[in-house]
Amino acid sequence: MLAGTGSDVGKSLIVAGLARLFTRRGFRVRPFKPQNMSNNAAVTKDGGEIGRAQALQAHAARTEPTVHMNPVLLKPQSETGAQVVVQGQVVGTVESAAFLAMKPRLIEPVLESFGTLVEESDIVLVEGAGSVAEVNLRAGDIANLGFARRAGVPVVLIGDIDRGGVIASLVGTQAVLPAEDAAMIEAFLVNKFRGDPRLFADGMNAIAARTGWAPLGLVPYFAGARRLPAEDALALDSYARSASGSGKPLIAVLAYPHISNFDDFDPLRLESSVDVVFVRPGDVLPSAAQLVILPGSKSTIADLGALREAGWDVDLAAHIRRGGHVLGMCGGYQMLGRAVSDPRGIEGPPQTVPGLGYLDVETTLLATKVLHEVAGTLWQSDVAFSGYEMHMGETVGEGVRRPLLDIRGGRPDGAVSADGRIGGCYVHGLFARDAARACWLKRIGASGSAFNYQQDLDATLDRLADHLEAHVDCDALLALSRAPSL
């Protein structure tokens, strides 16, 4: 298990890099995260959903993602509540206190999924969640040391030197843990180092002396991390917020509070022919934007309210009057219609709210989640796309007679305005295929490029593997591994 002293210390990135590294050495590698909390999710071929980070790690290991790689996924819908996904399927929505009571029942499916991966692999790389030092949440823990002890998995603890205080965070973690938990930790890594590593040699020695843990490496900051899909919304603050003055076409993405699956826009962020800005509440929608994207949302009605509270509805109207383009994806598509109804109280109290009214459709939120990988062609073209659906709503109306997408098998999806400048659909991942992305960019006047997204993704994972091989004692890491006690 690769666990952390806190959130965002680089656990997901290191697991992805190690997955590619050990796969290149000829091992059958599987990533595993017992419990994840993220609204960035991916659809698996076995008909479920898992955290986006585990899908990336599976790609790094050159294997298909499955629901067993992330058996418990929490998708926040409010400050205190989240949708609970177990082995790929939604089992309900609970408040934080109710989930604490639910956790002891989830250890069985977690161990079942872990056992499935153990049977089919040589190495399982387990990723912890948040901080192992959250002793207030230790009862019934399935994400960190509770799982490690139950499964008999040795733990390597990761500290983040970039945020400061890494010696105290590692030594302090040992200090607050019960002895039985601390005994599961056998080694440590220090991540995100900048500067001359010789200056922290005494720091590594001090941590090792105080904890008794083996030092496995001081890992320099990996600049290529921004080229990989992010696990959750913490990454949004690291993206460029302003791209004025370059002369390139500008794409603005509305980053409302419950934004989901914003990895949809990674291929656009990495394109040299356009600039992309994520607009946060409190920021004004840039008047120079040629395209405004309303992304997916884990809470469509709440985020529609947040959109209006931020004044983006007024900005959007001005953008459309200037001849700008608008694209809504999943929850954003629902917002562009005439109304969104939640008669069953899926997202909160049963209610119907007016949409933005730019597409002649209406949406009803349903209890059943649609999870499909799809492929087809873009609106009014023979350009192929591929992606996935992940939604809990049904959208109907006259607008669907002009669909944005033609899904293979004769099933249209989405809607387009009469002038063709406003559209929406349920499919995620529309920009990942180069030809499809080029088609979208051409519509807003952007020049094409030779950028190959999938090739770039694999090259970045290979550089990450090289980076870890150079700075981590991977042989010592392998020597720590052992058969689990299932």
Protein backbone atom coordinates (compact mmCIF):
# COMPACT_ATOMS: atom_id res chain seq x y z
CA MET A 1 0.00 0.00 0.00
CA LEU A 2 1.14 3.50 -0.93
CA ALA A 3 -0.49 5.68 1.73
CA GLY A 4 -0.12 9.35 2.56
CA THR A 5 0.34 11.84 5.36
CA GLY A 6 -2.42 13.87 3.72
CA SER A 7 -4.46 14.46 0.58
CA ASP A 8 -2.70 15.51 -2.62
CA VAL A 9 0.74 14.23 -1.58
CA GLY A 10 1.04 12.39 -4.90
CA LYS A 11 -0.24 8.91 -4.07
CA SER A 12 -2.20 8.49 -7.31
CA LEU A 13 0.67 9.73 -9.44
CA ILE A 14 3.24 7.47 -7.78
CA VAL A 15 0.98 4.42 -8.12
CA ALA A 16 0.49 5.22 -11.82
CA GLY A 17 4.23 5.58 -12.34
CA LEU A 18 5.03 2.37 -10.47
CA ALA A 19 2.32 0.55 -12.42
CA ARG A 20 3.99 1.48 -15.70
CA LEU A 21 7.49 0.78 -14.28
CA PHE A 22 6.70 -2.72 -13.02
CA THR A 23 4.64 -3.53 -16.12
CA ARG A 24 7.67 -2.70 -18.25
CA ARG A 25 9.66 -5.13 -16.09
CA GLY A 26 7.27 -7.89 -17.15
CA PHE A 27 4.99 -8.10 -14.10
CA ARG A 28 1.20 -8.36 -14.29
CA VAL A 29 0.24 -5.26 -12.29
CA ARG A 30 -3.16 -4.20 -10.96
CA PRO A 31 -4.00 -0.92 -9.20
CA PHE A 32 -6.40 -0.97 -6.26
CA LYS A 33 -7.96 1.78 -4.16
CA PRO A 34 -10.36 0.38 -1.55
CA GLN A 35 -12.24 3.65 -1.09
CA ASN A 36 -12.06 6.80 -3.17
CA MET A 37 -13.85 10.15 -3.00
CA SER A 38 -14.02 11.91 -6.35
CA ASN A 39 -16.46 13.23 -8.93
CA ASN A 40 -14.01 12.37 -11.70
CA ALA A 41 -15.02 8.85 -12.67
CA ALA A 42 -14.61 6.43 -15.56
CA VAL A 43 -16.87 3.75 -17.02
CA THR A 44 -15.49 0.21 -17.11
CA LYS A 45 -16.14 -2.51 -19.65
CA ASP A 46 -17.78 -4.63 -16.96
CA GLY A 47 -20.57 -2.06 -16.72
CA GLY A 48 -19.67 0.04 -13.69
CA GLU A 49 -17.75 3.13 -12.66
CA ILE A 50 -14.52 3.74 -10.76
CA GLY A 51 -12.38 6.74 -9.88
CA ARG A 52 -10.61 8.35 -12.82
CA ALA A 53 -7.24 7.88 -11.08
CA GLN A 54 -7.68 4.09 -11.02
CA ALA A 55 -8.62 4.08 -14.71
CA LEU A 56 -5.39 5.97 -15.43
CA GLN A 57 -3.41 3.53 -13.29
CA ALA A 58 -4.95 0.62 -15.19
CA HIS A 59 -3.90 2.27 -18.44
CA ALA A 60 -0.40 2.66 -17.00
CA ALA A 61 -0.41 -1.08 -16.24
CA ARG A 62 -1.65 -1.78 -19.78
CA THR A 63 -4.75 -3.56 -18.55
CA GLU A 64 -8.48 -2.90 -18.82
CA PRO A 65 -10.01 -1.07 -15.84
CA THR A 66 -12.56 -3.05 -13.84
CA VAL A 67 -14.91 -2.22 -10.98
CA HIS A 68 -12.69 -4.25 -8.64
CA MET A 69 -9.93 -1.65 -8.87
CA ASN A 70 -12.02 0.82 -6.83
CA PRO A 71 -14.80 -1.10 -5.05
CA VAL A 72 -16.07 1.87 -3.00
CA LEU A 73 -16.42 5.26 -4.68
CA LEU A 74 -17.96 8.27 -2.95
CA LYS A 75 -19.20 11.05 -5.24
CA PRO A 76 -19.90 14.24 -3.24
CA GLN A 77 -23.26 15.88 -3.90
CA SER A 78 -23.24 18.41 -1.06
CA GLU A 79 -21.02 19.59 1.78
CA THR A 80 -22.04 16.58 3.90
CA GLY A 81 -23.59 14.03 1.52
CA ALA A 82 -22.35 11.74 -1.23
CA GLN A 83 -23.54 9.12 -3.67
CA VAL A 84 -22.13 5.72 -2.72
CA VAL A 85 -20.95 3.39 -5.50
CA VAL A 86 -20.06 -0.20 -4.55
CA GLN A 87 -18.32 -2.43 -7.10
CA GLY A 88 -19.35 -0.05 -9.84
CA GLN A 89 -23.04 0.39 -9.00
CA VAL A 90 -24.90 3.10 -7.09
CA VAL A 91 -26.29 1.81 -3.79
CA GLY A 92 -27.63 5.09 -2.44
CA THR A 93 -26.89 8.60 -1.24
CA VAL A 94 -25.91 9.12 2.37
CA GLU A 95 -24.82 11.86 4.75
CA SER A 96 -21.34 11.65 6.30
CA ALA A 97 -22.56 10.28 9.65
CA ALA A 98 -24.61 7.57 7.94
CA PHE A 99 -21.61 6.52 5.86
CA LEU A 100 -19.52 6.06 9.00
CA ALA A 101 -22.15 3.59 10.21
CA MET A 102 -22.20 1.92 6.78
CA LYS A 103 -18.42 1.38 6.48
CA PRO A 104 -18.16 -1.89 8.46
CA ARG A 105 -20.51 -3.55 5.95
CA LEU A 106 -18.30 -2.51 3.04
CA ILE A 107 -15.16 -4.35 4.05
CA GLU A 108 -16.46 -7.61 2.54
CA PRO A 109 -16.93 -6.30 -1.03
CA VAL A 110 -13.59 -4.48 -0.66
CA LEU A 111 -11.79 -7.70 0.29
CA GLU A 112 -13.65 -9.61 -2.42
CA SER A 113 -12.48 -7.16 -5.09
CA PHE A 114 -8.94 -7.18 -3.71
CA GLY A 115 -8.90 -10.98 -3.81
CA THR A 116 -10.04 -10.93 -7.43
CA LEU A 117 -7.10 -8.71 -8.39
CA VAL A 118 -4.63 -10.79 -6.36
CA GLU A 119 -5.69 -13.91 -8.27
CA GLU A 120 -5.02 -12.37 -11.68
CA SER A 121 -1.79 -10.46 -11.01
CA ASP A 122 1.79 -10.60 -9.79
CA ILE A 123 1.66 -7.25 -8.00
CA VAL A 124 -1.27 -5.26 -6.62
CA LEU A 125 -0.43 -1.61 -5.90
CA VAL A 126 -2.86 -0.42 -3.23
CA GLU A 127 -3.48 3.32 -2.94
CA GLY A 128 -4.58 4.76 0.38
CA ALA A 129 -6.98 7.69 0.74
CA GLY A 130 -6.34 11.06 2.36
CA SER A 131 -4.25 10.75 5.51
CA VAL A 132 -3.56 7.62 7.55
CA ALA A 133 -3.36 9.89 10.62
CA GLU A 134 -7.10 10.63 10.72
CA VAL A 135 -7.50 8.67 13.95
CA ASN A 136 -10.93 10.21 14.49
CA LEU A 137 -12.13 8.18 11.46
CA ARG A 138 -10.21 5.00 12.28
CA ALA A 139 -13.21 2.95 13.49
CA GLY A 140 -14.36 0.74 10.62
CA ASP A 141 -11.67 2.12 8.31
CA ILE A 142 -11.57 0.45 4.89
CA ALA A 143 -9.39 2.98 3.07
CA ASN A 144 -6.06 2.96 4.87
CA LEU A 145 -4.59 1.05 7.80
CA GLY A 146 -7.86 -0.69 8.60
CA PHE A 147 -7.69 -2.35 5.21
CA ALA A 148 -3.92 -2.89 5.43
CA ARG A 149 -4.24 -4.77 8.71
CA ARG A 150 -7.23 -6.81 7.57
CA ALA A 151 -5.48 -7.85 4.33
CA GLY A 152 -1.96 -8.08 5.73
CA VAL A 153 -0.54 -5.51 3.32
CA PRO A 154 2.71 -3.66 4.15
CA VAL A 155 2.53 0.13 3.88
CA VAL A 156 4.88 2.74 2.41
CA LEU A 157 4.03 6.23 3.68
CA ILE A 158 4.36 9.23 1.33
CA GLY A 159 5.05 12.75 2.57
CA ASP A 160 4.86 15.97 0.50
CA ILE A 161 7.85 18.26 1.02
CA ASP A 162 6.44 20.92 -1.33
CA ARG A 163 3.85 22.03 1.24
CA GLY A 164 6.47 22.24 4.03
CA GLY A 165 6.80 20.42 7.33
CA VAL A 166 7.41 17.00 5.83
CA ILE A 167 9.59 15.79 8.72
CA ALA A 168 6.89 16.66 11.22
CA SER A 169 4.14 15.17 9.05
CA LEU A 170 5.90 11.80 8.74
CA VAL A 171 7.22 11.58 12.31
CA GLY A 172 3.96 13.02 13.67
CA THR A 173 1.92 10.45 11.78
CA GLN A 174 3.74 7.67 13.58
CA ALA A 175 3.27 9.48 16.88
CA VAL A 176 -0.52 9.64 16.67
CA LEU A 177 -1.13 6.14 15.32
CA PRO A 178 -2.00 3.18 17.54
CA ALA A 179 1.02 0.88 17.80
CA GLU A 180 -0.68 -1.90 15.80
CA ASP A 181 -1.36 0.51 12.93
CA ALA A 182 2.09 2.09 12.99
CA ALA A 183 3.61 -1.39 12.80
CA MET A 184 2.09 -1.83 9.31
CA ILE A 185 4.26 1.01 7.94
CA GLU A 186 7.65 -0.29 6.86
CA ALA A 187 9.10 2.48 4.69
CA PHE A 188 8.58 6.04 3.49
CA LEU A 189 8.98 8.26 0.44
CA VAL A 190 9.36 12.05 0.34
CA ASN A 191 7.67 13.46 -2.77
CA LYS A 192 7.70 16.75 -4.76
CA PHE A 193 11.21 17.85 -3.81
CA ARG A 194 12.65 20.94 -5.54
CA GLY A 195 16.32 21.89 -5.45
CA ASP A 196 19.53 20.11 -4.53
CA PRO A 197 18.68 16.70 -2.97
CA ARG A 198 21.92 16.76 -0.96
CA LEU A 199 20.37 19.49 1.17
CA PHE A 200 17.73 17.08 2.48
CA ALA A 201 19.98 14.09 3.14
CA ASP A 202 20.00 14.90 6.87
CA GLY A 203 16.20 15.22 6.74
CA MET A 204 15.81 11.73 5.31
CA ASN A 205 18.16 10.37 7.96
CA ALA A 206 16.24 12.15 10.73
CA ILE A 207 12.92 10.66 9.61
CA ALA A 208 14.41 7.18 9.38
CA ALA A 209 16.06 7.48 12.82
CA ARG A 210 12.90 8.71 14.55
CA THR A 211 10.49 6.26 12.90
CA GLY A 212 12.56 3.17 12.17
CA TRP A 213 11.10 3.16 8.65
CA ALA A 214 13.29 2.49 5.64
CA PRO A 215 13.86 5.50 3.35
CA LEU A 216 12.95 4.45 -0.20
CA GLY A 217 13.63 7.72 -1.96
CA LEU A 218 13.49 11.48 -2.27
CA VAL A 219 11.37 12.07 -5.37
CA PRO A 220 11.83 15.36 -7.24
CA TYR A 221 8.77 17.28 -8.39
CA PHE A 222 7.45 15.77 -11.64
CA ALA A 223 6.43 18.64 -13.91
CA GLY A 224 4.64 16.29 -16.30
CA ALA A 225 1.90 15.65 -13.71
CA ARG A 226 -0.27 18.37 -15.24
CA ARG A 227 -0.41 16.37 -18.48
CA LEU A 228 -2.19 13.49 -16.75
CA PRO A 229 -5.88 13.29 -15.75
CA ALA A 230 -6.45 14.68 -12.25
CA GLU A 231 -8.13 12.69 -9.50
CA ASP A 232 -10.34 15.46 -8.09
CA ALA A 233 -11.11 19.17 -8.08
CA LEU A 234 -8.04 20.04 -6.00
CA ALA A 235 -6.17 20.11 -9.32
CA LEU A 236 -8.31 22.91 -10.74
CA ASP A 237 -6.42 25.54 -8.76
CA SER A 238 -3.17 24.50 -10.46
CA TYR A 239 -4.59 25.06 -13.96
CA ALA A 240 -4.07 28.38 -15.72
CA ARG A 241 -6.79 30.85 -14.74
CA SER A 242 -6.02 33.45 -17.38
CA ALA A 243 -4.94 33.06 -20.94
CA SER A 244 -5.41 36.57 -22.29
CA GLY A 245 -3.16 38.15 -24.87
CA SER A 246 -1.98 35.05 -26.71
CA GLY A 247 -4.19 35.64 -29.73
CA LYS A 248 -5.36 32.02 -29.70
CA PRO A 249 -9.06 31.10 -29.61
CA LEU A 250 -10.18 30.96 -25.97
CA ILE A 251 -12.31 28.19 -24.44
CA ALA A 252 -13.90 28.89 -21.04
CA VAL A 253 -15.08 26.03 -18.80
CA LEU A 254 -17.50 26.89 -15.99
CA ALA A 255 -16.04 25.26 -12.87
CA TYR A 256 -19.12 25.25 -10.66
CA PRO A 257 -18.91 23.77 -7.13
CA HIS A 258 -19.86 20.18 -8.03
CA ILE A 259 -18.04 19.96 -11.36
CA SER A 260 -17.44 16.36 -12.43
CA ASN A 261 -15.38 14.57 -15.05
CA PHE A 262 -13.40 17.69 -15.90
CA ASP A 263 -10.70 15.39 -17.28
CA ASP A 264 -12.91 15.65 -20.40
CA PHE A 265 -10.97 18.84 -21.13
CA ASP A 266 -7.40 17.58 -20.68
CA PRO A 267 -6.95 17.12 -24.45
CA LEU A 268 -8.05 20.74 -24.96
CA ARG A 269 -5.76 22.03 -22.19
CA LEU A 270 -2.80 20.39 -23.89
CA GLU A 271 -3.62 21.68 -27.38
CA SER A 272 -1.21 24.34 -28.62
CA SER A 273 -3.80 25.95 -30.90
CA VAL A 274 -6.19 27.13 -28.14
CA ASP A 275 -6.16 28.52 -24.62
CA VAL A 276 -8.41 27.02 -21.94
CA VAL A 277 -9.47 28.77 -18.75
CA PHE A 278 -11.48 27.26 -15.87
CA VAL A 279 -13.77 29.98 -14.52
CA ARG A 280 -14.41 29.65 -10.79
CA PRO A 281 -17.31 31.23 -8.84
CA GLY A 282 -16.41 34.87 -8.29
CA ASP A 283 -14.69 35.15 -11.68
CA VAL A 284 -16.30 36.77 -14.70
CA LEU A 285 -16.77 34.78 -17.88
CA PRO A 286 -14.12 36.14 -20.31
CA SER A 287 -15.71 38.20 -23.06
CA ALA A 288 -13.02 36.98 -25.48
CA ALA A 289 -14.13 33.34 -25.24
CA GLN A 290 -15.18 31.75 -28.53
CA LEU A 291 -16.55 28.65 -26.79
CA VAL A 292 -18.10 28.30 -23.33
CA ILE A 293 -18.43 24.78 -21.95
CA LEU A 294 -20.87 23.76 -19.25
CA PRO A 295 -19.26 20.57 -17.93
CA GLY A 296 -20.71 17.63 -16.04
CA SER A 297 -22.06 18.11 -12.52
CA LYS A 298 -22.69 15.75 -9.63
CA SER A 299 -25.56 18.02 -8.53
CA THR A 300 -27.16 19.63 -11.56
CA ILE A 301 -29.83 21.65 -9.76
CA ALA A 302 -27.44 22.99 -7.12
CA ASP A 303 -24.83 23.91 -9.72
CA LEU A 304 -27.46 25.56 -11.92
CA GLY A 305 -28.28 27.71 -8.90
CA ALA A 306 -24.58 28.42 -8.35
CA LEU A 307 -24.24 29.38 -12.02
CA ARG A 308 -26.98 31.96 -11.64
CA GLU A 309 -25.64 33.21 -8.31
CA ALA A 310 -22.24 33.79 -9.94
CA GLY A 311 -23.92 35.86 -12.67
CA TRP A 312 -22.77 33.48 -15.36
CA ASP A 313 -26.28 33.29 -16.82
CA VAL A 314 -25.98 36.99 -17.69
CA ASP A 315 -22.44 36.50 -19.02
CA LEU A 316 -23.61 33.53 -21.07
CA ALA A 317 -26.46 35.52 -22.63
CA ALA A 318 -23.98 38.24 -23.65
CA HIS A 319 -21.61 35.60 -25.05
CA ILE A 320 -24.40 34.17 -27.20
CA ARG A 321 -25.45 37.65 -28.42
CA ARG A 322 -21.85 38.18 -29.58
CA GLY A 323 -22.09 35.03 -31.70
CA GLY A 324 -20.22 32.72 -29.33
CA HIS A 325 -20.55 28.94 -29.19
CA VAL A 326 -21.81 26.93 -26.19
CA LEU A 327 -21.41 23.22 -25.42
CA GLY A 328 -23.09 21.44 -22.50
CA MET A 329 -21.86 18.02 -21.41
CA CYS A 330 -24.03 15.74 -19.26
CA GLY A 331 -25.18 17.97 -16.36
CA GLY A 332 -24.29 21.02 -18.46
CA TYR A 333 -26.52 19.68 -21.24
CA GLN A 334 -29.37 19.36 -18.75
CA MET A 335 -28.87 22.98 -17.63
CA LEU A 336 -29.14 24.27 -21.21
CA GLY A 337 -32.70 22.96 -21.52
CA ARG A 338 -35.99 24.51 -20.44
CA ALA A 339 -36.34 22.74 -17.11
CA VAL A 340 -34.75 20.16 -14.81
CA SER A 341 -37.12 18.06 -12.69
CA ASP A 342 -36.20 15.94 -9.69
CA PRO A 343 -39.52 14.32 -8.69
CA ARG A 344 -37.84 11.52 -6.69
CA GLY A 345 -35.52 13.76 -4.73
CA ILE A 346 -32.35 12.29 -6.27
CA GLU A 347 -30.32 15.44 -5.58
CA GLY A 348 -32.30 16.83 -2.64
CA PRO A 349 -35.89 17.91 -2.04
CA PRO A 350 -38.20 17.01 -4.96
CA GLN A 351 -38.50 20.06 -7.22
CA THR A 352 -38.55 21.41 -10.75
CA VAL A 353 -36.35 24.36 -11.66
CA PRO A 354 -36.16 26.38 -14.88
CA GLY A 355 -33.16 25.73 -17.06
CA LEU A 356 -31.29 28.28 -19.12
CA GLY A 357 -33.68 27.75 -22.02
CA TYR A 358 -31.21 27.61 -24.90
CA LEU A 359 -32.20 24.12 -26.03
CA ASP A 360 -35.78 22.95 -26.55
CA VAL A 361 -35.51 20.00 -24.16
CA GLU A 362 -36.50 19.11 -20.60
CA THR A 363 -34.79 16.72 -18.20
CA THR A 364 -36.17 14.42 -15.51
CA LEU A 365 -33.66 13.00 -13.03
CA LEU A 366 -34.05 9.26 -12.52
CA ALA A 367 -32.82 6.76 -9.93
CA THR A 368 -31.22 4.45 -12.50
CA LYS A 369 -27.73 5.43 -13.67
CA VAL A 370 -26.79 4.95 -17.33
CA LEU A 371 -23.23 3.60 -17.68
CA HIS A 372 -22.10 2.79 -21.22
CA GLU A 373 -19.06 3.07 -23.44
CA VAL A 374 -20.22 4.50 -26.77
CA ALA A 375 -18.92 5.38 -30.22
CA GLY A 376 -20.35 7.01 -33.33
CA THR A 377 -20.07 10.16 -35.44
CA LEU A 378 -20.33 13.87 -34.70
CA TRP A 379 -23.29 16.00 -35.73
CA GLN A 380 -23.47 16.70 -39.47
CA SER A 381 -20.18 14.93 -40.18
CA ASP A 382 -18.61 11.53 -40.68
CA VAL A 383 -15.98 12.24 -38.01
CA ALA A 384 -15.80 9.39 -35.50
CA PHE A 385 -15.88 9.87 -31.73
CA SER A 386 -15.76 7.54 -28.76
CA GLY A 387 -16.55 8.12 -25.10
CA TYR A 388 -18.88 7.06 -22.33
CA GLU A 389 -22.25 7.91 -20.78
CA MET A 390 -22.61 8.34 -17.02
CA HIS A 391 -25.83 10.02 -15.97
CA MET A 392 -29.06 9.71 -14.01
CA GLY A 393 -31.46 11.62 -16.22
CA GLU A 394 -33.72 11.41 -19.24
CA THR A 395 -33.90 14.36 -21.64
CA VAL A 396 -36.76 14.78 -24.11
CA GLY A 397 -38.27 17.48 -26.32
CA GLU A 398 -38.33 18.87 -29.84
CA GLY A 399 -34.65 19.72 -29.60
CA VAL A 400 -33.56 16.08 -29.72
CA ARG A 401 -34.74 15.98 -33.34
CA ARG A 402 -31.45 17.77 -34.07
CA PRO A 403 -29.03 15.49 -32.19
CA LEU A 404 -25.43 16.49 -31.51
CA LEU A 405 -24.18 12.92 -31.86
CA ASP A 406 -25.10 9.81 -33.79
CA ILE A 407 -24.23 6.88 -31.56
CA ARG A 408 -23.42 3.65 -33.34
CA GLY A 409 -26.50 1.44 -33.57
CA GLY A 410 -28.87 4.21 -34.65
CA ARG A 411 -29.24 5.98 -31.30
CA PRO A 412 -29.01 9.80 -31.44
CA ASP A 413 -27.83 11.78 -28.41
CA GLY A 414 -28.08 15.41 -27.42
CA ALA A 415 -29.54 18.47 -29.10
CA VAL A 416 -28.38 21.43 -31.20
CA SER A 417 -29.94 24.89 -31.52
CA ALA A 418 -31.40 25.96 -34.85
CA ASP A 419 -28.37 28.16 -35.64
CA GLY A 420 -25.95 25.36 -34.70
CA ARG A 421 -24.00 27.45 -32.17
CA ILE A 422 -25.42 25.85 -28.99
CA GLY A 423 -25.38 22.13 -28.32
CA GLY A 424 -25.32 19.55 -25.59
CA CYS A 425 -25.06 15.81 -25.08
CA TYR A 426 -24.63 13.12 -22.42
CA VAL A 427 -21.36 11.67 -23.76
CA HIS A 428 -18.07 12.29 -21.94
CA GLY A 429 -14.63 12.01 -23.54
CA LEU A 430 -15.52 13.75 -26.80
CA PHE A 431 -12.14 15.46 -27.14
CA ALA A 432 -9.87 12.45 -26.55
CA ARG A 433 -9.86 11.32 -30.18
CA ASP A 434 -7.71 13.64 -32.26
CA ALA A 435 -9.95 13.86 -35.34
CA ALA A 436 -13.05 14.58 -33.26
CA ARG A 437 -11.23 17.25 -31.25
CA ALA A 438 -9.96 18.88 -34.46
CA CYS A 439 -13.53 19.01 -35.75
CA TRP A 440 -14.73 20.85 -32.63
CA LEU A 441 -11.83 23.29 -32.78
CA LYS A 442 -12.43 24.05 -36.46
CA ARG A 443 -15.97 25.15 -35.60
CA ILE A 444 -14.61 27.93 -33.37
CA GLY A 445 -11.93 29.03 -35.81
CA ALA A 446 -8.97 27.25 -34.23
CA SER A 447 -6.28 25.86 -36.47
CA GLY A 448 -5.54 22.19 -36.40
CA SER A 449 -2.46 20.68 -34.77
CA ALA A 450 -0.49 17.47 -34.92
CA PHE A 451 -1.05 16.78 -31.22
CA ASN A 452 -1.80 13.11 -30.48
CA TYR A 453 -3.44 12.91 -27.06
CA GLN A 454 -3.17 9.17 -26.45
CA GLN A 455 0.44 9.14 -27.59
CA ASP A 456 1.21 12.05 -25.26
CA LEU A 457 -0.51 10.27 -22.36
CA ASP A 458 1.61 7.15 -22.80
CA ALA A 459 4.81 9.13 -23.27
CA THR A 460 4.11 11.02 -20.03
CA LEU A 461 3.53 7.77 -18.14
CA ASP A 462 6.80 6.42 -19.49
CA ARG A 463 8.63 9.57 -18.36
CA LEU A 464 7.00 9.22 -14.95
CA ALA A 465 8.17 5.60 -14.73
CA ASP A 466 11.70 6.68 -15.68
CA HIS A 467 11.54 9.43 -13.06
CA LEU A 468 10.57 7.00 -10.28
CA GLU A 469 13.11 4.40 -11.39
CA ALA A 470 15.81 7.03 -11.02
CA HIS A 471 14.78 8.23 -7.56
CA VAL A 472 13.04 5.32 -5.79
CA ASP A 473 14.68 2.12 -4.57
CA CYS A 474 12.25 -0.06 -6.53
CA ASP A 475 14.06 -3.29 -5.69
CA ALA A 476 13.67 -2.53 -1.97
CA LEU A 477 10.02 -1.71 -2.60
CA LEU A 478 9.49 -5.07 -4.29
CA ALA A 479 11.26 -6.80 -1.43
CA LEU A 480 8.64 -5.43 0.98
CA SER A 481 5.78 -7.07 -0.92
CA ARG A 482 4.26 -10.30 0.27
CA ALA A 483 1.23 -12.49 -0.19
CA PRO A 484 -1.82 -11.00 1.55
CA SER A 485 -3.55 -12.73 4.45
CA LEU A 486 -7.01 -13.07 2.92
